């Protein structure tokens, strides 16, 4: 299982302390949208924010390194900020295939939105609705 989150301290602690949530059973990754948003709050440069997204979403290591070199050339502090984050956690090129092409928490937020109206239902009904929603999502993706 791959958990993609916004790097909330409580989630990081729970994952770190969960003995069963380690590879090969599970990994924790960071939502790229949140990484870029936090980066932009610190760096405040639209061009560098776009490069941050490009670096995080790039699957080829060679291209990732080229983008990071460009960030470093433009702003050493920006490079240092991103370089300090575990690349396995926020980049597609270092992920090891766990994300299955999903870089953000949008998928889980989509499912949460669908289930919002069903929260008072029995667990079995929630599971059934979740499976129905997932089958629709995967069928649309094909």
Protein backbone atom coordinates (compact mmCIF):
# COMPACT_ATOMS: atom_id res chain seq x y z
CA UNK A 1 0.00 0.00 0.00
CA UNK A 2 1.19 3.49 -0.83
CA UNK A 3 -0.01 6.32 1.41
CA UNK A 4 0.29 9.75 -0.19
CA UNK A 5 -0.16 12.57 2.30
CA UNK A 6 0.42 16.27 2.84
CA UNK A 7 3.32 15.64 5.28
CA UNK A 8 1.14 16.35 8.32
CA UNK A 9 3.16 15.70 11.46
CA UNK A 10 0.58 13.33 12.94
CA UNK A 11 0.51 11.19 9.81
CA UNK A 12 4.28 11.05 9.60
CA UNK A 13 4.47 9.98 13.26
CA UNK A 14 1.75 7.34 12.81
CA UNK A 15 3.48 5.88 9.76
CA UNK A 16 6.88 5.93 11.46
CA UNK A 17 5.51 4.17 14.55
CA UNK A 18 3.41 1.64 12.61
CA UNK A 19 5.55 -1.51 12.53
CA UNK A 20 3.53 -3.08 9.70
CA UNK A 21 3.72 -0.04 7.43
CA UNK A 22 7.16 -0.68 5.97
CA UNK A 23 8.33 -1.88 2.58
CA UNK A 24 7.39 -4.27 1.03
CA UNK A 25 3.96 -3.98 2.69
CA UNK A 26 3.57 -0.23 2.59
CA UNK A 27 5.31 3.07 1.97
CA UNK A 28 4.60 6.71 2.73
CA UNK A 29 4.97 9.29 -0.01
CA UNK A 30 4.34 13.05 -0.10
CA UNK A 31 1.71 14.77 -2.19
CA UNK A 32 3.59 16.67 -4.89
CA UNK A 33 1.03 19.48 -4.89
CA UNK A 34 1.66 20.05 -1.18
CA UNK A 35 5.45 19.87 -1.60
CA UNK A 36 5.25 22.51 -4.35
CA UNK A 37 2.89 24.67 -2.31
CA UNK A 38 5.22 24.60 0.71
CA UNK A 39 8.18 25.25 -1.60
CA UNK A 40 6.38 28.25 -3.12
CA UNK A 41 5.54 29.63 0.35
CA UNK A 42 9.25 29.67 1.15
CA UNK A 43 10.80 30.56 -2.21
CA UNK A 44 8.02 32.70 -3.78
CA UNK A 45 9.08 32.33 -7.40
CA UNK A 46 6.63 31.13 -10.06
CA UNK A 47 9.34 29.84 -12.41
CA UNK A 48 11.02 27.85 -9.64
CA UNK A 49 7.65 26.53 -8.46
CA UNK A 50 7.00 25.21 -11.98
CA UNK A 51 10.45 23.61 -11.99
CA UNK A 52 9.68 22.03 -8.62
CA UNK A 53 6.57 20.41 -10.11
CA UNK A 54 8.52 19.28 -13.18
CA UNK A 55 11.24 17.73 -11.01
CA UNK A 56 8.76 15.90 -8.81
CA UNK A 57 6.67 14.57 -11.67
CA UNK A 58 9.58 13.47 -13.88
CA UNK A 59 10.02 9.70 -14.12
CA UNK A 60 13.43 9.66 -15.80
CA UNK A 61 16.36 10.16 -13.43
CA UNK A 62 18.45 11.92 -16.09
CA UNK A 63 15.70 14.49 -16.71
CA UNK A 64 15.07 14.91 -12.97
CA UNK A 65 18.77 15.70 -12.46
CA UNK A 66 18.71 18.20 -15.33
CA UNK A 67 15.74 20.03 -13.80
CA UNK A 68 17.37 20.07 -10.35
CA UNK A 69 20.56 21.49 -11.92
CA UNK A 70 18.45 24.26 -13.45
CA UNK A 71 16.88 25.00 -10.05
CA UNK A 72 20.36 25.11 -8.48
CA UNK A 73 21.60 27.45 -11.21
CA UNK A 74 18.69 29.83 -10.59
CA UNK A 75 18.60 29.74 -6.78
CA UNK A 76 20.89 27.74 -4.49
CA UNK A 77 18.46 28.15 -1.53
CA UNK A 78 15.62 26.70 -3.61
CA UNK A 79 17.79 23.74 -4.55
CA UNK A 80 18.84 23.21 -0.92
CA UNK A 81 15.18 23.28 0.19
CA UNK A 82 14.21 20.50 -2.25
CA UNK A 83 17.44 18.56 -1.79
CA UNK A 84 16.73 18.34 1.96
CA UNK A 85 13.49 16.41 1.31
CA UNK A 86 13.93 12.66 0.87
CA UNK A 87 13.68 12.22 -2.93
CA UNK A 88 12.04 8.83 -2.52
CA UNK A 89 9.14 10.61 -0.80
CA UNK A 90 8.34 13.37 -3.33
CA UNK A 91 9.74 12.45 -6.75
CA UNK A 92 8.44 10.01 -9.33
CA UNK A 93 12.00 9.27 -10.47
CA UNK A 94 13.03 7.93 -7.05
CA UNK A 95 9.70 6.42 -5.98
CA UNK A 96 10.32 2.81 -7.02
CA UNK A 97 6.94 2.52 -8.74
CA UNK A 98 4.81 2.66 -5.58
CA UNK A 99 2.68 5.63 -6.67
CA UNK A 100 1.31 3.91 -9.78
CA UNK A 101 1.33 7.27 -11.56
CA UNK A 102 -0.53 9.13 -8.78
CA UNK A 103 1.45 12.15 -7.55
CA UNK A 104 -1.10 13.95 -5.37
CA UNK A 105 -3.81 13.27 -2.81
CA UNK A 106 -6.50 14.19 -5.37
CA UNK A 107 -7.64 10.57 -5.81
CA UNK A 108 -8.30 10.07 -2.09
CA UNK A 109 -9.99 13.47 -1.81
CA UNK A 110 -12.22 12.51 -4.74
CA UNK A 111 -13.27 9.29 -3.01
CA UNK A 112 -13.75 11.14 0.29
CA UNK A 113 -16.11 13.54 -1.48
CA UNK A 114 -18.19 10.66 -2.81
CA UNK A 115 -18.33 8.95 0.58
CA UNK A 116 -19.16 12.14 2.50
CA UNK A 117 -22.90 11.58 2.11
CA UNK A 118 -22.62 7.91 3.09
CA UNK A 119 -20.85 8.25 6.44
CA UNK A 120 -23.82 7.11 8.54
CA UNK A 121 -24.23 3.86 6.61
CA UNK A 122 -23.11 0.47 7.94
CA UNK A 123 -19.50 -0.54 7.22
CA UNK A 124 -20.57 -3.18 4.69
CA UNK A 125 -22.44 -0.52 2.69
CA UNK A 126 -19.39 1.80 2.80
CA UNK A 127 -17.17 -0.98 1.48
CA UNK A 128 -19.63 -1.72 -1.32
CA UNK A 129 -19.89 1.96 -2.30
CA UNK A 130 -16.09 2.30 -2.21
CA UNK A 131 -15.64 -0.70 -4.52
CA UNK A 132 -18.29 0.68 -6.90
CA UNK A 133 -16.58 4.09 -7.00
CA UNK A 134 -13.16 2.53 -7.56
CA UNK A 135 -14.44 0.35 -10.40
CA UNK A 136 -15.92 3.43 -12.08
CA UNK A 137 -12.67 5.38 -11.64
CA UNK A 138 -10.54 2.56 -13.07
CA UNK A 139 -12.92 1.94 -15.96
CA UNK A 140 -12.75 5.65 -16.87
CA UNK A 141 -8.97 5.54 -16.81
CA UNK A 142 -8.79 2.82 -19.47
